[in-house]
C-alpha atoms as a PDB file:
ATOM      1  CA  MET A   1       2.822 164.532  63.137  1.00  0.00           C
ATOM      2  CA  THR A   2       3.517 168.059  62.004  1.00  0.00           C
ATOM      3  CA  TRP A   3       6.770 169.826  61.235  1.00  0.00           C
ATOM      4  CA  THR A   4       7.814 173.417  61.727  1.00  0.00           C
ATOM      5  CA  LYS A   5       9.940 174.972  59.015  1.00  0.00           C
ATOM      6  CA  ILE A   6      12.835 177.050  60.237  1.00  0.00           C
ATOM      7  CA  GLY A   7      15.143 178.081  57.419  1.00  0.00           C
ATOM      8  CA  GLY A   8      18.879 178.548  57.756  1.00  0.00           C
ATOM      9  CA  GLU A   9      18.424 182.319  57.515  1.00  0.00           C
ATOM     10  CA  PHE A  10      15.922 182.416  60.390  1.00  0.00           C
ATOM     11  CA  PHE A  11      18.454 183.299  63.087  1.00  0.00           C
ATOM     12  CA  ASP A  12      20.135 185.885  60.836  1.00  0.00           C
ATOM     13  CA  SER A  13      16.925 187.885  60.452  1.00  0.00           C
ATOM     14  CA  PRO A  14      17.288 191.420  61.867  1.00  0.00           C
ATOM     15  CA  ALA A  15      13.971 191.045  63.695  1.00  0.00           C
ATOM     16  CA  ILE A  16      15.071 187.807  65.346  1.00  0.00           C
ATOM     17  CA  LEU A  17      18.486 189.267  66.197  1.00  0.00           C
ATOM     18  CA  SER A  18      16.826 192.247  67.873  1.00  0.00           C
ATOM     19  CA  VAL A  19      15.107 190.148  70.572  1.00  0.00           C
ATOM     20  CA  SER A  20      16.525 188.286  73.548  1.00  0.00           C
ATOM     21  CA  ARG A  21      17.354 184.600  73.498  1.00  0.00           C
ATOM     22  CA  GLY A  22      14.283 183.864  75.636  1.00  0.00           C
ATOM     23  CA  ALA A  23      12.032 185.721  73.178  1.00  0.00           C
ATOM     24  CA  ARG A  24      13.588 183.831  70.240  1.00  0.00           C
ATOM     25  CA  LEU A  25      12.920 180.529  71.971  1.00  0.00           C
ATOM     26  CA  LEU A  26       9.355 181.583  72.791  1.00  0.00           C
ATOM     27  CA  HIS A  27       8.859 182.452  69.111  1.00  0.00           C
ATOM     28  CA  VAL A  28      10.056 178.992  68.016  1.00  0.00           C
ATOM     29  CA  GLU A  29       7.977 177.284  70.732  1.00  0.00           C
ATOM     30  CA  ALA A  30       4.898 179.225  69.616  1.00  0.00           C
ATOM     31  CA  MET A  31       5.452 178.368  65.930  1.00  0.00           C
ATOM     32  CA  THR A  32       5.790 174.705  66.832  1.00  0.00           C
ATOM     33  CA  TRP A  33       2.665 174.810  68.997  1.00  0.00           C
ATOM     34  CA  CYS A  34       0.683 176.570  66.251  1.00  0.00           C
ATOM     35  CA  ASN A  35       1.694 173.940  63.700  1.00  0.00           C
ATOM     36  CA  ARG A  36       0.901 171.112  66.076  1.00  0.00           C
ATOM     37  CA  HIS A  37      -2.549 172.462  66.864  1.00  0.00           C
ATOM     38  CA  GLY A  38      -3.396 173.887  63.438  1.00  0.00           C
ATOM     39  CA  THR A  39      -4.040 177.474  64.522  1.00  0.00           C
ATOM     40  CA  ASP A  40      -2.411 179.103  61.474  1.00  0.00           C
ATOM     41  CA  GLY A  41      -0.233 181.303  63.670  1.00  0.00           C
ATOM     42  CA  LEU A  42      -2.708 182.209  66.411  1.00  0.00           C
ATOM     43  CA  VAL A  43      -1.249 181.901  69.916  1.00  0.00           C
ATOM     44  CA  PRO A  44      -4.179 181.980  72.383  1.00  0.00           C
ATOM     45  CA  ARG A  45      -3.528 183.781  75.654  1.00  0.00           C
ATOM     46  CA  HIS A  46      -4.482 180.789  77.797  1.00  0.00           C
ATOM     47  CA  VAL A  47      -1.807 178.477  76.304  1.00  0.00           C
ATOM     48  CA  LEU A  48       1.195 180.763  76.449  1.00  0.00           C
ATOM     49  CA  ALA A  49       2.250 179.750  79.958  1.00  0.00           C
ATOM     50  CA  ARG A  50       1.960 176.065  78.991  1.00  0.00           C
ATOM     51  CA  ILE A  51       4.177 176.208  75.908  1.00  0.00           C
ATOM     52  CA  THR A  52       7.172 177.956  77.445  1.00  0.00           C
ATOM     53  CA  ASP A  53       9.179 178.086  80.613  1.00  0.00           C
ATOM     54  CA  GLU A  54      10.363 181.629  79.888  1.00  0.00           C
ATOM     55  CA  PRO A  55      10.565 183.330  83.313  1.00  0.00           C
ATOM     56  CA  ASP A  56       9.372 186.701  82.013  1.00  0.00           C
ATOM     57  CA  VAL A  57       6.774 185.836  79.388  1.00  0.00           C
ATOM     58  CA  ASP A  58       5.270 189.340  79.284  1.00  0.00           C
ATOM     59  CA  ARG A  59       8.647 190.902  78.494  1.00  0.00           C
ATOM     60  CA  ALA A  60       9.347 188.295  75.779  1.00  0.00           C
ATOM     61  CA  VAL A  61       5.936 188.866  74.172  1.00  0.00           C
ATOM     62  CA  LYS A  62       6.495 192.638  74.233  1.00  0.00           C
ATOM     63  CA  GLU A  63       9.880 192.147  72.535  1.00  0.00           C
ATOM     64  CA  LEU A  64       8.280 189.989  69.834  1.00  0.00           C
ATOM     65  CA  ILE A  65       5.522 192.555  69.239  1.00  0.00           C
ATOM     66  CA  ASP A  66       8.007 195.457  69.180  1.00  0.00           C
ATOM     67  CA  ALA A  67      10.163 193.562  66.655  1.00  0.00           C
ATOM     68  CA  GLY A  68       7.130 192.978  64.410  1.00  0.00           C
ATOM     69  CA  LEU A  69       7.271 189.206  64.824  1.00  0.00           C
ATOM     70  CA  TRP A  70       3.926 189.019  66.642  1.00  0.00           C
ATOM     71  CA  THR A  71       0.790 191.143  66.566  1.00  0.00           C
ATOM     72  CA  ASN A  72      -1.980 191.499  69.117  1.00  0.00           C
ATOM     73  CA  ASP A  73      -5.188 189.620  68.421  1.00  0.00           C
ATOM     74  CA  ALA A  74      -8.486 189.523  70.323  1.00  0.00           C
ATOM     75  CA  ALA A  75      -7.817 185.881  71.279  1.00  0.00           C
ATOM     76  CA  GLY A  76      -4.103 186.330  71.986  1.00  0.00           C
ATOM     77  CA  TRP A  77      -1.337 186.991  69.474  1.00  0.00           C
ATOM     78  CA  ARG A  78      -0.678 186.238  65.810  1.00  0.00           C
ATOM     79  CA  ILE A  79       2.719 185.252  64.501  1.00  0.00           C
ATOM     80  CA  ALA A  80       3.435 187.695  61.663  1.00  0.00           C
ATOM     81  CA  GLY A  81       3.970 186.013  58.290  1.00  0.00           C
ATOM     82  CA  PHE A  82       3.283 182.566  59.734  1.00  0.00           C
ATOM     83  CA  LEU A  83       1.501 181.285  56.626  1.00  0.00           C
ATOM     84  CA  ASP A  84       4.236 182.663  54.359  1.00  0.00           C
ATOM     85  CA  ILE A  85       6.570 179.949  55.645  1.00  0.00           C
ATOM     86  CA  GLN A  86       4.463 177.358  57.463  1.00  0.00           C
ATOM     87  CA  PRO A  87       1.734 175.263  55.829  1.00  0.00           C
ATOM     88  CA  SER A  88      -1.832 176.155  56.724  1.00  0.00           C
ATOM     89  CA  ALA A  89      -3.886 173.781  58.865  1.00  0.00           C
ATOM     90  CA  GLU A  90      -5.943 173.000  55.774  1.00  0.00           C
ATOM     91  CA  ASP A  91      -2.805 172.083  53.784  1.00  0.00           C
ATOM     92  CA  VAL A  92      -1.550 169.883  56.619  1.00  0.00           C
ATOM     93  CA  GLU A  93      -4.891 168.086  56.838  1.00  0.00           C
ATOM     94  CA  ARG A  94      -4.937 167.539  53.063  1.00  0.00           C
ATOM     95  CA  THR A  95      -1.416 166.093  53.149  1.00  0.00           C
ATOM     96  CA  GLN A  96      -2.226 163.851  56.102  1.00  0.00           C
ATOM     97  CA  GLN A  97      -5.358 162.623  54.343  1.00  0.00           C
ATOM     98  CA  ARG A  98      -3.330 161.742  51.235  1.00  0.00           C
ATOM     99  CA  TRP A  99      -0.903 159.756  53.408  1.00  0.00           C
ATOM    100  CA  ARG A 100      -3.753 157.975  55.190  1.00  0.00           C
ATOM    101  CA  GLU A 101      -5.177 157.000  51.801  1.00  0.00           C
ATOM    102  CA  ARG A 102      -1.773 155.768  50.590  1.00  0.00           C
ATOM    103  CA  TRP A 103      -1.250 153.676  53.720  1.00  0.00           C
ATOM    104  CA  ALA A 104      -4.759 152.262  53.462  1.00  0.00           C
ATOM    105  CA  ALA A 105      -4.116 151.304  49.821  1.00  0.00           C
ATOM    106  CA  ALA A 106      -0.800 149.681  50.766  1.00  0.00           C
ATOM    107  CA  GLU A 107      -2.477 147.767  53.596  1.00  0.00           C
ATOM    108  CA  GLU A 108      -5.193 146.609  51.221  1.00  0.00           C
ATOM    109  CA  HIS A 109      -2.519 145.513  48.738  1.00  0.00           C
ATOM    110  CA  ALA A 110      -0.771 143.512  51.503  1.00  0.00           C
ATOM    111  CA  LEU A 111      -4.083 141.796  52.307  1.00  0.00           C
ATOM    112  CA  VAL A 112      -4.662 140.913  48.655  1.00  0.00           C
ATOM    113  CA  MET A 113      -1.120 139.551  48.312  1.00  0.00           C
ATOM    114  CA  MET A 114      -1.490 137.431  51.466  1.00  0.00           C
ATOM    115  CA  GLU A 115      -4.811 136.026  50.295  1.00  0.00           C
ATOM    116  CA  ARG A 116      -3.382 135.172  46.864  1.00  0.00           C
ATOM    117  CA  ALA A 117      -0.370 133.520  48.484  1.00  0.00           C
ATOM    118  CA  ALA A 118      -2.640 131.578  50.851  1.00  0.00           C
ATOM    119  CA  ARG A 119      -4.715 130.280  47.944  1.00  0.00           C
ATOM    120  CA  ALA A 120      -1.496 129.193  46.239  1.00  0.00           C
ATOM    121  CA  GLY A 121      -0.240 127.611  49.466  1.00  0.00           C
ATOM    122  CA  ASP A 122       2.857 129.840  49.524  1.00  0.00           C
ATOM    123  CA  ASP A 123       3.706 130.260  53.208  1.00  0.00           C
ATOM    124  CA  LEU A 124       6.880 132.232  52.479  1.00  0.00           C
ATOM    125  CA  ALA A 125       4.965 134.877  50.467  1.00  0.00           C
ATOM    126  CA  ILE A 126       2.383 135.169  53.241  1.00  0.00           C
ATOM    127  CA  ARG A 127       5.143 135.605  55.821  1.00  0.00           C
ATOM    128  CA  ALA A 128       6.819 138.285  53.707  1.00  0.00           C
ATOM    129  CA  ALA A 129       3.546 140.224  53.288  1.00  0.00           C
ATOM    130  CA  ALA A 130       2.745 139.801  56.980  1.00  0.00           C
ATOM    131  CA  ASN A 131       6.212 141.082  57.856  1.00  0.00           C
ATOM    132  CA  VAL A 132       5.566 144.262  55.882  1.00  0.00           C
ATOM    133  CA  ALA A 133       2.139 144.679  57.473  1.00  0.00           C
ATOM    134  CA  PHE A 134       3.536 143.977  60.931  1.00  0.00           C
ATOM    135  CA  HIS A 135       6.361 146.487  60.477  1.00  0.00           C
ATOM    136  CA  ARG A 136       3.855 149.179  59.446  1.00  0.00           C
ATOM    137  CA  ASP A 137       1.607 148.406  62.424  1.00  0.00           C
ATOM    138  CA  TRP A 138      -1.213 147.404  60.069  1.00  0.00           C
ATOM    139  CA  PHE A 139      -3.184 145.435  62.603  1.00  0.00           C
ATOM    140  CA  ARG A 140      -5.886 144.271  60.199  1.00  0.00           C
ATOM    141  CA  ALA A 141      -3.367 142.890  57.697  1.00  0.00           C
ATOM    142  CA  THR A 142      -1.335 141.196  60.426  1.00  0.00           C
ATOM    143  CA  ALA A 143      -4.479 139.689  61.944  1.00  0.00           C
ATOM    144  CA  ARG A 144      -5.495 138.448  58.485  1.00  0.00           C
ATOM    145  CA  ALA A 145      -2.091 136.825  58.014  1.00  0.00           C
ATOM    146  CA  CYS A 146      -2.589 135.072  61.363  1.00  0.00           C
ATOM    147  CA  GLU A 147      -5.939 133.768  60.164  1.00  0.00           C
ATOM    148  CA  LEU A 148      -4.492 132.496  56.888  1.00  0.00           C
ATOM    149  CA  VAL A 149      -1.496 130.635  58.260  1.00  0.00           C
ATOM    150  CA  PRO A 150      -1.322 129.286  61.828  1.00  0.00           C
ATOM    151  CA  ALA A 151       2.497 129.554  61.748  1.00  0.00           C
ATOM    152  CA  ILE A 152       2.155 133.334  61.353  1.00  0.00           C
ATOM    153  CA  ALA A 153       0.021 133.512  64.514  1.00  0.00           C
ATOM    154  CA  GLU A 154       2.655 131.546  66.406  1.00  0.00           C
ATOM    155  CA  HIS A 155       5.320 133.907  65.123  1.00  0.00           C
ATOM    156  CA  VAL A 156       3.314 137.027  66.049  1.00  0.00           C
ATOM    157  CA  ASN A 157       2.678 135.687  69.542  1.00  0.00           C
ATOM    158  CA  ALA A 158       6.370 134.853  69.973  1.00  0.00           C
ATOM    159  CA  LEU A 159       7.334 138.384  68.959  1.00  0.00           C
ATOM    160  CA  ALA A 160       4.792 139.893  71.324  1.00  0.00           C
ATOM    161  CA  HIS A 161       6.386 138.097  74.268  1.00  0.00           C
ATOM    162  CA  ASP A 162       9.976 138.612  73.199  1.00  0.00           C
ATOM    163  CA  ASP A 163      11.795 141.134  75.399  1.00  0.00           C
ATOM    164  CA  ARG A 164      14.586 141.860  72.931  1.00  0.00           C
ATOM    165  CA  SER A 165      14.933 145.363  71.587  1.00  0.00           C
ATOM    166  CA  ARG A 166      13.896 146.468  68.105  1.00  0.00           C
ATOM    167  CA  LEU A 167      17.564 146.697  67.131  1.00  0.00           C
ATOM    168  CA  GLN A 168      18.206 143.117  68.173  1.00  0.00           C
ATOM    169  CA  HIS A 169      15.192 142.005  66.132  1.00  0.00           C
ATOM    170  CA  ARG A 170      16.419 143.820  63.054  1.00  0.00           C
ATOM    171  CA  MET A 171      19.880 142.315  63.387  1.00  0.00           C
ATOM    172  CA  ARG A 172      18.611 138.753  63.315  1.00  0.00           C
ATOM    173  CA  ASP A 173      19.366 136.835  60.157  1.00  0.00           C
ATOM    174  CA  ASP A 174      15.806 135.754  59.418  1.00  0.00           C
ATOM    175  CA  ALA A 175      14.411 138.889  57.737  1.00  0.00           C
ATOM    176  CA  ALA A 176      10.876 137.524  57.599  1.00  0.00           C
ATOM    177  CA  PHE A 177      10.627 137.239  61.383  1.00  0.00           C
ATOM    178  CA  ASN A 178      12.538 140.151  62.871  1.00  0.00           C
ATOM    179  CA  LEU A 179      10.023 142.756  63.975  1.00  0.00           C
ATOM    180  CA  PRO A 180       8.496 143.337  67.435  1.00  0.00           C
ATOM    181  CA  ALA A 181       4.746 143.186  67.899  1.00  0.00           C
ATOM    182  CA  PRO A 182       2.679 146.218  68.837  1.00  0.00           C
ATOM    183  CA  ALA A 183       0.627 145.749  71.980  1.00  0.00           C
ATOM    184  CA  GLU A 184      -2.677 145.824  70.093  1.00  0.00           C
ATOM    185  CA  ILE A 185      -2.105 142.448  68.403  1.00  0.00           C
ATOM    186  CA  ARG A 186      -0.663 140.494  71.304  1.00  0.00           C
ATOM    187  CA  GLY A 187      -2.403 137.220  71.867  1.00  0.00           C
ATOM    188  CA  ILE A 188      -3.944 136.902  68.392  1.00  0.00           C
ATOM    189  CA  GLN A 189      -4.949 133.320  67.744  1.00  0.00           C
ATOM    190  CA  PRO A 190      -5.733 131.974  64.282  1.00  0.00           C
ATOM    191  CA  ARG A 191      -9.293 131.070  63.448  1.00  0.00           C
ATOM    192  CA  LEU A 192      -9.440 127.487  62.298  1.00  0.00           C
END
């Protein structure tokens, strides 16, 4: 998931104030699209009609160009100063990679903790680690917990077939067993 930074002063900018409401919205829609697709501020011509429902897109684009917010580009338009405020696609990818590595390390830690608990015969510790893994949608760790302790597999299967909402699950008293199952791990059976 990406985020688009819009500071509190954005709507007070003279350039933004000089364009119509529709052009302002198009500008925000384009910034969001550029962040989502990692184009570093390039708005290709072929996507413009898909990212906005502005009735007069040509007029809005002309307003944005006249205000200095956009510039013409061979492939479409460039949002002026985009990389001054928004992270580059490369920065976003680096950040996402760091998070993927952190989650992978945390999942690996959950697996290690479950295996240690299983060797010690500590069902409660395995359930607690499986609960964390399950909550984070770590399918491998949850599947491993099901392999280690048959009671975990029964619990996972019960959650997968439970129609109660996530809020109802969280409000239950038993903290170790209160999270709904993602579809990918429904029907897991322990290997005996």
